[in-house]
Amino acid sequence: MDTLSLWLLFILAGFGTFLIRLSFIELHGSTQKLLERSRNILALLPPAILAALCIPAIIFSHSSGGDVIDITQISAAVGAIIVSILSRNVFWPIATGMLILWLLRLVT
């Protein structure tokens, strides 16, 4: 497949997904009604996506060639979760989780 065909494929796929998303908005008549009905669902979407991306990387370590459960990563994640519940800030859970991870890896 040459470069021009590949770019045309990307453009057509992007345009197709845009039309699919636009059709849902147009079928409902207005974006305001759609947002009012789906506000609660849309509020849960970012944490669900973040959990789906992070949890496999936290639980399984690929450093030894296979999927091995790494207790240091799980401990750092639990520490970050506790700090995020208490602080409601983005920086402190990340800093706490990384600090716990580095300290546990230094000790073990």
PDB file of N, CA and C in Angstrom:
ATOM      1  N   MET A   1       0.856  -1.170   0.000  1.00  0.00           N
ATOM      2  CA  MET A   1       0.000   0.000   0.000  1.00  0.00           C
ATOM      3  C   MET A   1       0.900   1.229   0.000  1.00  0.00           C
ATOM      4  N   ASP A   2       0.670   2.111  -0.955  1.00  0.00           N
ATOM      5  CA  ASP A   2       1.515   3.301  -1.034  1.00  0.00           C
ATOM      6  C   ASP A   2       1.038   4.369  -0.054  1.00  0.00           C
ATOM      7  N   THR A   3       1.810   5.434   0.066  1.00  0.00           N
ATOM      8  CA  THR A   3       1.545   6.467   1.067  1.00  0.00           C
ATOM      9  C   THR A   3       0.236   7.204   0.800  1.00  0.00           C
ATOM     10  N   LEU A   4      -0.047   7.495  -0.465  1.00  0.00           N
ATOM     11  CA  LEU A   4      -1.273   8.215  -0.796  1.00  0.00           C
ATOM     12  C   LEU A   4      -2.514   7.395  -0.434  1.00  0.00           C
ATOM     13  N   SER A   5      -2.493   6.115  -0.704  1.00  0.00           N
ATOM     14  CA  SER A   5      -3.631   5.258  -0.356  1.00  0.00           C
ATOM     15  C   SER A   5      -3.815   5.183   1.159  1.00  0.00           C
ATOM     16  N   LEU A   6      -2.710   5.142   1.882  1.00  0.00           N
ATOM     17  CA  LEU A   6      -2.786   5.091   3.333  1.00  0.00           C
ATOM     18  C   LEU A   6      -3.392   6.372   3.902  1.00  0.00           C
ATOM     19  N   TRP A   7      -2.967   7.529   3.381  1.00  0.00           N
ATOM     20  CA  TRP A   7      -3.524   8.810   3.838  1.00  0.00           C
ATOM     21  C   TRP A   7      -5.005   8.922   3.486  1.00  0.00           C
ATOM     22  N   LEU A   8      -5.386   8.464   2.313  1.00  0.00           N
ATOM     23  CA  LEU A   8      -6.805   8.497   1.942  1.00  0.00           C
ATOM     24  C   LEU A   8      -7.626   7.588   2.858  1.00  0.00           C
ATOM     25  N   LEU A   9      -7.070   6.452   3.227  1.00  0.00           N
ATOM     26  CA  LEU A   9      -7.753   5.555   4.153  1.00  0.00           C
ATOM     27  C   LEU A   9      -7.954   6.230   5.507  1.00  0.00           C
ATOM     28  N   PHE A  10      -6.917   6.893   6.036  1.00  0.00           N
ATOM     29  CA  PHE A  10      -7.032   7.605   7.315  1.00  0.00           C
ATOM     30  C   PHE A  10      -8.065   8.714   7.239  1.00  0.00           C
ATOM     31  N   ILE A  11      -8.058   9.471   6.163  1.00  0.00           N
ATOM     32  CA  ILE A  11      -9.009  10.586   6.013  1.00  0.00           C
ATOM     33  C   ILE A  11     -10.441  10.055   5.925  1.00  0.00           C
ATOM     34  N   LEU A  12     -10.650   9.001   5.156  1.00  0.00           N
ATOM     35  CA  LEU A  12     -11.995   8.433   5.036  1.00  0.00           C
ATOM     36  C   LEU A  12     -12.474   7.824   6.359  1.00  0.00           C
ATOM     37  N   ALA A  13     -11.586   7.159   7.076  1.00  0.00           N
ATOM     38  CA  ALA A  13     -11.972   6.593   8.369  1.00  0.00           C
ATOM     39  C   ALA A  13     -12.306   7.698   9.366  1.00  0.00           C
ATOM     40  N   GLY A  14     -11.521   8.768   9.386  1.00  0.00           N
ATOM     41  CA  GLY A  14     -11.816   9.895  10.270  1.00  0.00           C
ATOM     42  C   GLY A  14     -13.126  10.571   9.911  1.00  0.00           C
ATOM     43  N   PHE A  15     -13.373  10.748   8.630  1.00  0.00           N
ATOM     44  CA  PHE A  15     -14.623  11.373   8.189  1.00  0.00           C
ATOM     45  C   PHE A  15     -15.817  10.475   8.520  1.00  0.00           C
ATOM     46  N   GLY A  16     -15.630   9.167   8.377  1.00  0.00           N
ATOM     47  CA  GLY A  16     -16.705   8.235   8.707  1.00  0.00           C
ATOM     48  C   GLY A  16     -17.057   8.260  10.189  1.00  0.00           C
ATOM     49  N   THR A  17     -16.047   8.278  11.063  1.00  0.00           N
ATOM     50  CA  THR A  17     -16.343   8.332  12.497  1.00  0.00           C
ATOM     51  C   THR A  17     -16.959   9.673  12.876  1.00  0.00           C
ATOM     52  N   PHE A  18     -16.550  10.754  12.199  1.00  0.00           N
ATOM     53  CA  PHE A  18     -17.170  12.053  12.442  1.00  0.00           C
ATOM     54  C   PHE A  18     -18.644  12.026  12.066  1.00  0.00           C
ATOM     55  N   LEU A  19     -18.975  11.423  10.950  1.00  0.00           N
ATOM     56  CA  LEU A  19     -20.377  11.352  10.531  1.00  0.00           C
ATOM     57  C   LEU A  19     -21.202  10.496  11.482  1.00  0.00           C
ATOM     58  N   ILE A  20     -20.624   9.434  11.995  1.00  0.00           N
ATOM     59  CA  ILE A  20     -21.350   8.597  12.958  1.00  0.00           C
ATOM     60  C   ILE A  20     -21.678   9.402  14.211  1.00  0.00           C
ATOM     61  N   ARG A  21     -20.695  10.141  14.736  1.00  0.00           N
ATOM     62  CA  ARG A  21     -20.946  10.945  15.940  1.00  0.00           C
ATOM     63  C   ARG A  21     -21.934  12.065  15.652  1.00  0.00           C
ATOM     64  N   LEU A  22     -21.832  12.691  14.498  1.00  0.00           N
ATOM     65  CA  LEU A  22     -22.745  13.769  14.140  1.00  0.00           C
ATOM     66  C   LEU A  22     -24.170  13.256  13.981  1.00  0.00           C
ATOM     67  N   SER A  23     -24.330  12.042  13.479  1.00  0.00           N
ATOM     68  CA  SER A  23     -25.678  11.506  13.273  1.00  0.00           C
ATOM     69  C   SER A  23     -26.406  11.343  14.604  1.00  0.00           C
ATOM     70  N   PHE A  24     -25.707  10.945  15.680  1.00  0.00           N
ATOM     71  CA  PHE A  24     -26.363  10.806  16.974  1.00  0.00           C
ATOM     72  C   PHE A  24     -26.829  12.161  17.501  1.00  0.00           C
ATOM     73  N   ILE A  25     -26.039  13.191  17.278  1.00  0.00           N
ATOM     74  CA  ILE A  25     -26.436  14.528  17.725  1.00  0.00           C
ATOM     75  C   ILE A  25     -27.626  15.021  16.907  1.00  0.00           C
ATOM     76  N   GLU A  26     -27.594  14.806  15.620  1.00  0.00           N
ATOM     77  CA  GLU A  26     -28.679  15.267  14.756  1.00  0.00           C
ATOM     78  C   GLU A  26     -29.968  14.479  14.977  1.00  0.00           C
ATOM     79  N   LEU A  27     -29.873  13.212  15.316  1.00  0.00           N
ATOM     80  CA  LEU A  27     -31.077  12.424  15.570  1.00  0.00           C
ATOM     81  C   LEU A  27     -31.823  12.909  16.805  1.00  0.00           C
ATOM     82  N   HIS A  28     -31.105  13.430  17.772  1.00  0.00           N
ATOM     83  CA  HIS A  28     -31.745  13.921  18.986  1.00  0.00           C
ATOM     84  C   HIS A  28     -32.251  15.348  18.837  1.00  0.00           C
ATOM     85  N   GLY A  29     -31.927  16.033  17.778  1.00  0.00           N
ATOM     86  CA  GLY A  29     -32.471  17.359  17.534  1.00  0.00           C
ATOM     87  C   GLY A  29     -31.603  18.496  18.020  1.00  0.00           C
ATOM     88  N   SER A  30     -31.063  18.404  19.190  1.00  0.00           N
ATOM     89  CA  SER A  30     -30.192  19.471  19.681  1.00  0.00           C
ATOM     90  C   SER A  30     -29.189  18.893  20.664  1.00  0.00           C
ATOM     91  N   THR A  31     -28.088  19.567  20.771  1.00  0.00           N
ATOM     92  CA  THR A  31     -27.057  19.091  21.682  1.00  0.00           C
ATOM     93  C   THR A  31     -27.429  19.386  23.136  1.00  0.00           C
ATOM     94  N   GLN A  32     -28.239  20.404  23.382  1.00  0.00           N
ATOM     95  CA  GLN A  32     -28.599  20.748  24.761  1.00  0.00           C
ATOM     96  C   GLN A  32     -29.435  19.650  25.412  1.00  0.00           C
ATOM     97  N   LYS A  33     -30.417  19.130  24.698  1.00  0.00           N
ATOM     98  CA  LYS A  33     -31.239  18.051  25.243  1.00  0.00           C
ATOM     99  C   LYS A  33     -30.398  16.797  25.468  1.00  0.00           C
ATOM    100  N   LEU A  34     -29.485  16.518  24.539  1.00  0.00           N
ATOM    101  CA  LEU A  34     -28.629  15.347  24.660  1.00  0.00           C
ATOM    102  C   LEU A  34     -27.706  15.483  25.872  1.00  0.00           C
ATOM    103  N   LEU A  35     -27.156  16.654  26.082  1.00  0.00           N
ATOM    104  CA  LEU A  35     -26.259  16.853  27.213  1.00  0.00           C
ATOM    105  C   LEU A  35     -26.994  16.809  28.547  1.00  0.00           C
ATOM    106  N   GLU A  36     -28.208  17.306  28.593  1.00  0.00           N
ATOM    107  CA  GLU A  36     -28.974  17.260  29.840  1.00  0.00           C
ATOM    108  C   GLU A  36     -29.288  15.828  30.246  1.00  0.00           C
ATOM    109  N   ARG A  37     -29.611  14.983  29.273  1.00  0.00           N
ATOM    110  CA  ARG A  37     -29.969  13.600  29.580  1.00  0.00           C
ATOM    111  C   ARG A  37     -28.753  12.731  29.900  1.00  0.00           C
ATOM    112  N   SER A  38     -27.642  13.050  29.301  1.00  0.00           N
ATOM    113  CA  SER A  38     -26.485  12.169  29.469  1.00  0.00           C
ATOM    114  C   SER A  38     -25.383  12.778  30.330  1.00  0.00           C
ATOM    115  N   ARG A  39     -25.671  13.813  31.068  1.00  0.00           N
ATOM    116  CA  ARG A  39     -24.662  14.472  31.898  1.00  0.00           C
ATOM    117  C   ARG A  39     -24.091  13.536  32.966  1.00  0.00           C
ATOM    118  N   ASN A  40     -24.938  12.747  33.624  1.00  0.00           N
ATOM    119  CA  ASN A  40     -24.461  11.820  34.658  1.00  0.00           C
ATOM    120  C   ASN A  40     -23.585  10.726  34.066  1.00  0.00           C
ATOM    121  N   ILE A  41     -23.973  10.223  32.903  1.00  0.00           N
ATOM    122  CA  ILE A  41     -23.183   9.175  32.259  1.00  0.00           C
ATOM    123  C   ILE A  41     -21.844   9.722  31.794  1.00  0.00           C
ATOM    124  N   LEU A  42     -21.852  10.914  31.208  1.00  0.00           N
ATOM    125  CA  LEU A  42     -20.608  11.505  30.723  1.00  0.00           C
ATOM    126  C   LEU A  42     -19.656  11.859  31.862  1.00  0.00           C
ATOM    127  N   ALA A  43     -20.173  12.118  33.051  1.00  0.00           N
ATOM    128  CA  ALA A  43     -19.311  12.419  34.190  1.00  0.00           C
ATOM    129  C   ALA A  43     -18.546  11.175  34.644  1.00  0.00           C
ATOM    130  N   LEU A  44     -19.096   9.990  34.399  1.00  0.00           N
ATOM    131  CA  LEU A  44     -18.430   8.749  34.802  1.00  0.00           C
ATOM    132  C   LEU A  44     -17.463   8.223  33.755  1.00  0.00           C
ATOM    133  N   LEU A  45     -17.473   8.800  32.566  1.00  0.00           N
ATOM    134  CA  LEU A  45     -16.649   8.286  31.480  1.00  0.00           C
ATOM    135  C   LEU A  45     -15.144   8.464  31.694  1.00  0.00           C
ATOM    136  N   PRO A  46     -14.621   9.635  32.079  1.00  0.00           N
ATOM    137  CA  PRO A  46     -13.164   9.754  32.266  1.00  0.00           C
ATOM    138  C   PRO A  46     -12.586   8.826  33.328  1.00  0.00           C
ATOM    139  N   PRO A  47     -13.213   8.680  34.518  1.00  0.00           N
ATOM    140  CA  PRO A  47     -12.630   7.718  35.467  1.00  0.00           C
ATOM    141  C   PRO A  47     -12.667   6.281  34.965  1.00  0.00           C
ATOM    142  N   ALA A  48     -13.692   5.925  34.222  1.00  0.00           N
ATOM    143  CA  ALA A  48     -13.778   4.556  33.704  1.00  0.00           C
ATOM    144  C   ALA A  48     -12.683   4.292  32.673  1.00  0.00           C
ATOM    145  N   ILE A  49     -12.437   5.258  31.808  1.00  0.00           N
ATOM    146  CA  ILE A  49     -11.387   5.098  30.803  1.00  0.00           C
ATOM    147  C   ILE A  49     -10.018   5.066  31.465  1.00  0.00           C
ATOM    148  N   LEU A  50      -9.799   5.942  32.439  1.00  0.00           N
ATOM    149  CA  LEU A  50      -8.523   5.961  33.147  1.00  0.00           C
ATOM    150  C   LEU A  50      -8.284   4.642  33.878  1.00  0.00           C
ATOM    151  N   ALA A  51      -9.312   4.110  34.507  1.00  0.00           N
ATOM    152  CA  ALA A  51      -9.173   2.821  35.200  1.00  0.00           C
ATOM    153  C   ALA A  51      -8.877   1.701  34.211  1.00  0.00           C
ATOM    154  N   ALA A  52      -9.544   1.716  33.065  1.00  0.00           N
ATOM    155  CA  ALA A  52      -9.305   0.664  32.072  1.00  0.00           C
ATOM    156  C   ALA A  52      -7.889   0.723  31.518  1.00  0.00           C
ATOM    157  N   LEU A  53      -7.316   1.908  31.444  1.00  0.00           N
ATOM    158  CA  LEU A  53      -5.949   2.037  30.951  1.00  0.00           C
ATOM    159  C   LEU A  53      -4.909   1.743  32.023  1.00  0.00           C
ATOM    160  N   CYS A  54      -5.175   2.119  33.258  1.00  0.00           N
ATOM    161  CA  CYS A  54      -4.158   2.035  34.316  1.00  0.00           C
ATOM    162  C   CYS A  54      -4.136   0.708  35.060  1.00  0.00           C
ATOM    163  N   ILE A  55      -5.266   0.110  35.308  1.00  0.00           N
ATOM    164  CA  ILE A  55      -5.311  -1.074  36.170  1.00  0.00           C
ATOM    165  C   ILE A  55      -4.480  -2.237  35.633  1.00  0.00           C
ATOM    166  N   PRO A  56      -4.533  -2.583  34.343  1.00  0.00           N
ATOM    167  CA  PRO A  56      -3.649  -3.670  33.893  1.00  0.00           C
ATOM    168  C   PRO A  56      -2.166  -3.341  34.051  1.00  0.00           C
ATOM    169  N   ALA A  57      -1.793  -2.084  33.822  1.00  0.00           N
ATOM    170  CA  ALA A  57      -0.386  -1.703  33.980  1.00  0.00           C
ATOM    171  C   ALA A  57       0.036  -1.701  35.442  1.00  0.00           C
ATOM    172  N   ILE A  58      -0.893  -1.436  36.344  1.00  0.00           N
ATOM    173  CA  ILE A  58      -0.561  -1.431  37.770  1.00  0.00           C
ATOM    174  C   ILE A  58      -0.433  -2.854  38.296  1.00  0.00           C
ATOM    175  N   ILE A  59      -1.353  -3.714  37.932  1.00  0.00           N
ATOM    176  CA  ILE A  59      -1.383  -5.059  38.497  1.00  0.00           C
ATOM    177  C   ILE A  59      -0.300  -5.956  37.911  1.00  0.00           C
ATOM    178  N   PHE A  60      -0.111  -5.916  36.598  1.00  0.00           N
ATOM    179  CA  PHE A  60       0.829  -6.829  35.954  1.00  0.00           C
ATOM    180  C   PHE A  60       2.108  -6.105  35.562  1.00  0.00           C
ATOM    181  N   SER A  61       3.238  -6.736  35.851  1.00  0.00           N
ATOM    182  CA  SER A  61       4.546  -6.208  35.488  1.00  0.00           C
ATOM    183  C   SER A  61       5.109  -7.065  34.365  1.00  0.00           C
ATOM    184  N   HIS A  62       5.571  -6.435  33.297  1.00  0.00           N
ATOM    185  CA  HIS A  62       6.107  -7.161  32.150  1.00  0.00           C
ATOM    186  C   HIS A  62       7.630  -7.182  32.156  1.00  0.00           C
ATOM    187  N   SER A  63       8.248  -6.762  33.247  1.00  0.00           N
ATOM    188  CA  SER A  63       9.705  -6.646  33.266  1.00  0.00           C
ATOM    189  C   SER A  63      10.404  -7.997  33.269  1.00  0.00           C
ATOM    190  N   SER A  64       9.759  -9.019  33.756  1.00  0.00           N
ATOM    191  CA  SER A  64      10.410 -10.326  33.844  1.00  0.00           C
ATOM    192  C   SER A  64      10.061 -11.237  32.674  1.00  0.00           C
ATOM    193  N   GLY A  65       9.520 -10.697  31.627  1.00  0.00           N
ATOM    194  CA  GLY A  65       9.216 -11.500  30.448  1.00  0.00           C
ATOM    195  C   GLY A  65       7.804 -12.042  30.409  1.00  0.00           C
ATOM    196  N   GLY A  66       7.104 -12.048  31.507  1.00  0.00           N
ATOM    197  CA  GLY A  66       5.734 -12.549  31.552  1.00  0.00           C
ATOM    198  C   GLY A  66       4.884 -11.657  32.426  1.00  0.00           C
ATOM    199  N   ASP A  67       3.623 -11.986  32.532  1.00  0.00           N
ATOM    200  CA  ASP A  67       2.734 -11.221  33.389  1.00  0.00           C
ATOM    201  C   ASP A  67       2.895 -11.683  34.829  1.00  0.00           C
ATOM    202  N   VAL A  68       3.514 -10.851  35.648  1.00  0.00           N
ATOM    203  CA  VAL A  68       3.750 -11.157  37.046  1.00  0.00           C
ATOM    204  C   VAL A  68       3.114 -10.058  37.882  1.00  0.00           C
ATOM    205  N   ILE A  69       2.405 -10.436  38.923  1.00  0.00           N
ATOM    206  CA  ILE A  69       1.791  -9.438  39.806  1.00  0.00           C
ATOM    207  C   ILE A  69       2.892  -8.785  40.630  1.00  0.00           C
ATOM    208  N   ASP A  70       2.950  -7.457  40.564  1.00  0.00           N
ATOM    209  CA  ASP A  70       3.996  -6.695  41.248  1.00  0.00           C
ATOM    210  C   ASP A  70       3.369  -5.976  42.444  1.00  0.00           C
ATOM    211  N   ILE A  71       3.698  -6.418  43.650  1.00  0.00           N
ATOM    212  CA  ILE A  71       3.096  -5.864  44.860  1.00  0.00           C
ATOM    213  C   ILE A  71       3.528  -4.422  45.100  1.00  0.00           C
ATOM    214  N   THR A  72       4.700  -4.024  44.600  1.00  0.00           N
ATOM    215  CA  THR A  72       5.142  -2.640  44.792  1.00  0.00           C
ATOM    216  C   THR A  72       4.254  -1.678  44.013  1.00  0.00           C
ATOM    217  N   GLN A  73       3.873  -2.063  42.807  1.00  0.00           N
ATOM    218  CA  GLN A  73       2.996  -1.211  42.013  1.00  0.00           C
ATOM    219  C   GLN A  73       1.604  -1.135  42.619  1.00  0.00           C
ATOM    220  N   ILE A  74       1.116  -2.245  43.131  1.00  0.00           N
ATOM    221  CA  ILE A  74      -0.203  -2.246  43.762  1.00  0.00           C
ATOM    222  C   ILE A  74      -0.196  -1.390  45.023  1.00  0.00           C
ATOM    223  N   SER A  75       0.870  -1.475  45.817  1.00  0.00           N
ATOM    224  CA  SER A  75       0.982  -0.657  47.032  1.00  0.00           C
ATOM    225  C   SER A  75       1.038   0.829  46.694  1.00  0.00           C
ATOM    226  N   ALA A  76       1.781   1.179  45.652  1.00  0.00           N
ATOM    227  CA  ALA A  76       1.857   2.582  45.230  1.00  0.00           C
ATOM    228  C   ALA A  76       0.504   3.082  44.740  1.00  0.00           C
ATOM    229  N   ALA A  77      -0.237   2.244  44.039  1.00  0.00           N
ATOM    230  CA  ALA A  77      -1.561   2.636  43.555  1.00  0.00           C
ATOM    231  C   ALA A  77      -2.535   2.832  44.708  1.00  0.00           C
ATOM    232  N   VAL A  78      -2.481   1.934  45.703  1.00  0.00           N
ATOM    233  CA  VAL A  78      -3.361   2.079  46.866  1.00  0.00           C
ATOM    234  C   VAL A  78      -3.032   3.360  47.623  1.00  0.00           C
ATOM    235  N   GLY A  79      -1.738   3.664  47.782  1.00  0.00           N
ATOM    236  CA  GLY A  79      -1.343   4.919  48.428  1.00  0.00           C
ATOM    237  C   GLY A  79      -1.822   6.133  47.659  1.00  0.00           C
ATOM    238  N   ALA A  80      -1.725   6.082  46.343  1.00  0.00           N
ATOM    239  CA  ALA A  80      -2.197   7.199  45.512  1.00  0.00           C
ATOM    240  C   ALA A  80      -3.711   7.353  45.608  1.00  0.00           C
ATOM    241  N   ILE A  81      -4.438   6.255  45.680  1.00  0.00           N
ATOM    242  CA  ILE A  81      -5.897   6.315  45.802  1.00  0.00           C
ATOM    243  C   ILE A  81      -6.292   6.942  47.130  1.00  0.00           C
ATOM    244  N   ILE A  82      -5.623   6.548  48.204  1.00  0.00           N
ATOM    245  CA  ILE A  82      -5.937   7.106  49.522  1.00  0.00           C
ATOM    246  C   ILE A  82      -5.669   8.605  49.545  1.00  0.00           C
ATOM    247  N   VAL A  83      -4.540   9.026  48.987  1.00  0.00           N
ATOM    248  CA  VAL A  83      -4.224  10.460  48.965  1.00  0.00           C
ATOM    249  C   VAL A  83      -5.189  11.219  48.059  1.00  0.00           C
ATOM    250  N   SER A  84      -5.626  10.610  46.966  1.00  0.00           N
ATOM    251  CA  SER A  84      -6.568  11.305  46.081  1.00  0.00           C
ATOM    252  C   SER A  84      -7.931  11.493  46.736  1.00  0.00           C
ATOM    253  N   ILE A  85      -8.330  10.543  47.567  1.00  0.00           N
ATOM    254  CA  ILE A  85      -9.599  10.694  48.288  1.00  0.00           C
ATOM    255  C   ILE A  85      -9.502  11.815  49.314  1.00  0.00           C
ATOM    256  N   LEU A  86      -8.352  11.926  49.945  1.00  0.00           N
ATOM    257  CA  LEU A  86      -8.180  12.938  50.986  1.00  0.00           C
ATOM    258  C   LEU A  86      -7.886  14.334  50.443  1.00  0.00           C
ATOM    259  N   SER A  87      -7.189  14.444  49.323  1.00  0.00           N
ATOM    260  CA  SER A  87      -6.707  15.758  48.898  1.00  0.00           C
ATOM    261  C   SER A  87      -7.537  16.417  47.803  1.00  0.00           C
ATOM    262  N   ARG A  88      -8.142  15.657  46.921  1.00  0.00           N
ATOM    263  CA  ARG A  88      -8.893  16.211  45.781  1.00  0.00           C
ATOM    264  C   ARG A  88      -8.013  17.076  44.891  1.00  0.00           C
ATOM    265  N   ASN A  89      -6.750  16.702  44.779  1.00  0.00           N
ATOM    266  CA  ASN A  89      -5.791  17.412  43.953  1.00  0.00           C
ATOM    267  C   ASN A  89      -5.164  16.398  43.007  1.00  0.00           C
ATOM    268  N   VAL A  90      -4.682  16.840  41.864  1.00  0.00           N
ATOM    269  CA  VAL A  90      -4.100  15.921  40.900  1.00  0.00           C
ATOM    270  C   VAL A  90      -2.638  15.630  41.221  1.00  0.00           C
ATOM    271  N   PHE A  91      -1.916  16.617  41.698  1.00  0.00           N
ATOM    272  CA  PHE A  91      -0.475  16.486  41.900  1.00  0.00           C
ATOM    273  C   PHE A  91      -0.124  15.519  43.027  1.00  0.00           C
ATOM    274  N   TRP A  92      -0.786  15.637  44.164  1.00  0.00           N
ATOM    275  CA  TRP A  92      -0.397  14.866  45.346  1.00  0.00           C
ATOM    276  C   TRP A  92      -0.571  13.363  45.193  1.00  0.00           C
ATOM    277  N   PRO A  93      -1.628  12.861  44.591  1.00  0.00           N
ATOM    278  CA  PRO A  93      -1.697  11.403  44.392  1.00  0.00           C
ATOM    279  C   PRO A  93      -0.593  10.875  43.483  1.00  0.00           C
ATOM    280  N   ILE A  94      -0.273  11.618  42.427  1.00  0.00           N
ATOM    281  CA  ILE A  94       0.798  11.182  41.525  1.00  0.00           C
ATOM    282  C   ILE A  94       2.124  11.182  42.254  1.00  0.00           C
ATOM    283  N   ALA A  95       2.400  12.270  42.980  1.00  0.00           N
ATOM    284  CA  ALA A  95       3.661  12.361  43.722  1.00  0.00           C
ATOM    285  C   ALA A  95       3.752  11.283  44.796  1.00  0.00           C
ATOM    286  N   THR A  96       2.674  11.036  45.501  1.00  0.00           N
ATOM    287  CA  THR A  96       2.675  10.018  46.550  1.00  0.00           C
ATOM    288  C   THR A  96       2.863   8.626  45.962  1.00  0.00           C
ATOM    289  N   GLY A  97       2.137   8.324  44.896  1.00  0.00           N
ATOM    290  CA  GLY A  97       2.275   7.008  44.267  1.00  0.00           C
ATOM    291  C   GLY A  97       3.682   6.761  43.754  1.00  0.00           C
ATOM    292  N   MET A  98       4.279   7.770  43.112  1.00  0.00           N
ATOM    293  CA  MET A  98       5.645   7.605  42.618  1.00  0.00           C
ATOM    294  C   MET A  98       6.636   7.479  43.765  1.00  0.00           C
ATOM    295  N   LEU A  99       6.453   8.248  44.826  1.00  0.00           N
ATOM    296  CA  LEU A  99       7.355   8.178  45.975  1.00  0.00           C
ATOM    297  C   LEU A  99       7.281   6.797  46.642  1.00  0.00           C
ATOM    298  N   ILE A 100       6.066   6.278  46.820  1.00  0.00           N
ATOM    299  CA  ILE A 100       5.907   4.946  47.408  1.00  0.00           C
ATOM    300  C   ILE A 100       6.538   3.893  46.505  1.00  0.00           C
ATOM    301  N   LEU A 101       6.313   4.006  45.201  1.00  0.00           N
ATOM    302  CA  LEU A 101       6.879   3.038  44.260  1.00  0.00           C
ATOM    303  C   LEU A 101       8.402   3.057  44.306  1.00  0.00           C
ATOM    304  N   TRP A 102       9.000   4.240  44.268  1.00  0.00           N
ATOM    305  CA  TRP A 102      10.465   4.334  44.288  1.00  0.00           C
ATOM    306  C   TRP A 102      11.036   3.835  45.605  1.00  0.00           C
ATOM    307  N   LEU A 103      10.390   4.169  46.722  1.00  0.00           N
ATOM    308  CA  LEU A 103      10.886   3.714  48.024  1.00  0.00           C
ATOM    309  C   LEU A 103      10.794   2.194  48.156  1.00  0.00           C
ATOM    310  N   LEU A 104       9.684   1.622  47.716  1.00  0.00           N
ATOM    311  CA  LEU A 104       9.543   0.161  47.808  1.00  0.00           C
ATOM    312  C   LEU A 104      10.520  -0.556  46.873  1.00  0.00           C
ATOM    313  N   ARG A 105      10.775   0.000  45.722  1.00  0.00           N
ATOM    314  CA  ARG A 105      11.756  -0.617  44.823  1.00  0.00           C
ATOM    315  C   ARG A 105      13.176  -0.451  45.347  1.00  0.00           C
ATOM    316  N   LEU A 106      13.424   0.626  46.058  1.00  0.00           N
ATOM    317  CA  LEU A 106      14.740   0.838  46.668  1.00  0.00           C
ATOM    318  C   LEU A 106      14.972  -0.157  47.799  1.00  0.00           C
ATOM    319  N   VAL A 107      13.928  -0.409  48.583  1.00  0.00           N
ATOM    320  CA  VAL A 107      14.038  -1.305  49.731  1.00  0.00           C
ATOM    321  C   VAL A 107      14.136  -2.771  49.281  1.00  0.00           C
ATOM    322  N   THR A 108      13.361  -3.153  48.267  1.00  0.00           N
ATOM    323  CA  THR A 108      13.357  -4.566  47.842  1.00  0.00           C
ATOM    324  C   THR A 108      14.392  -4.865  46.799  1.00  0.00           C
TER     325      THR A 108
END
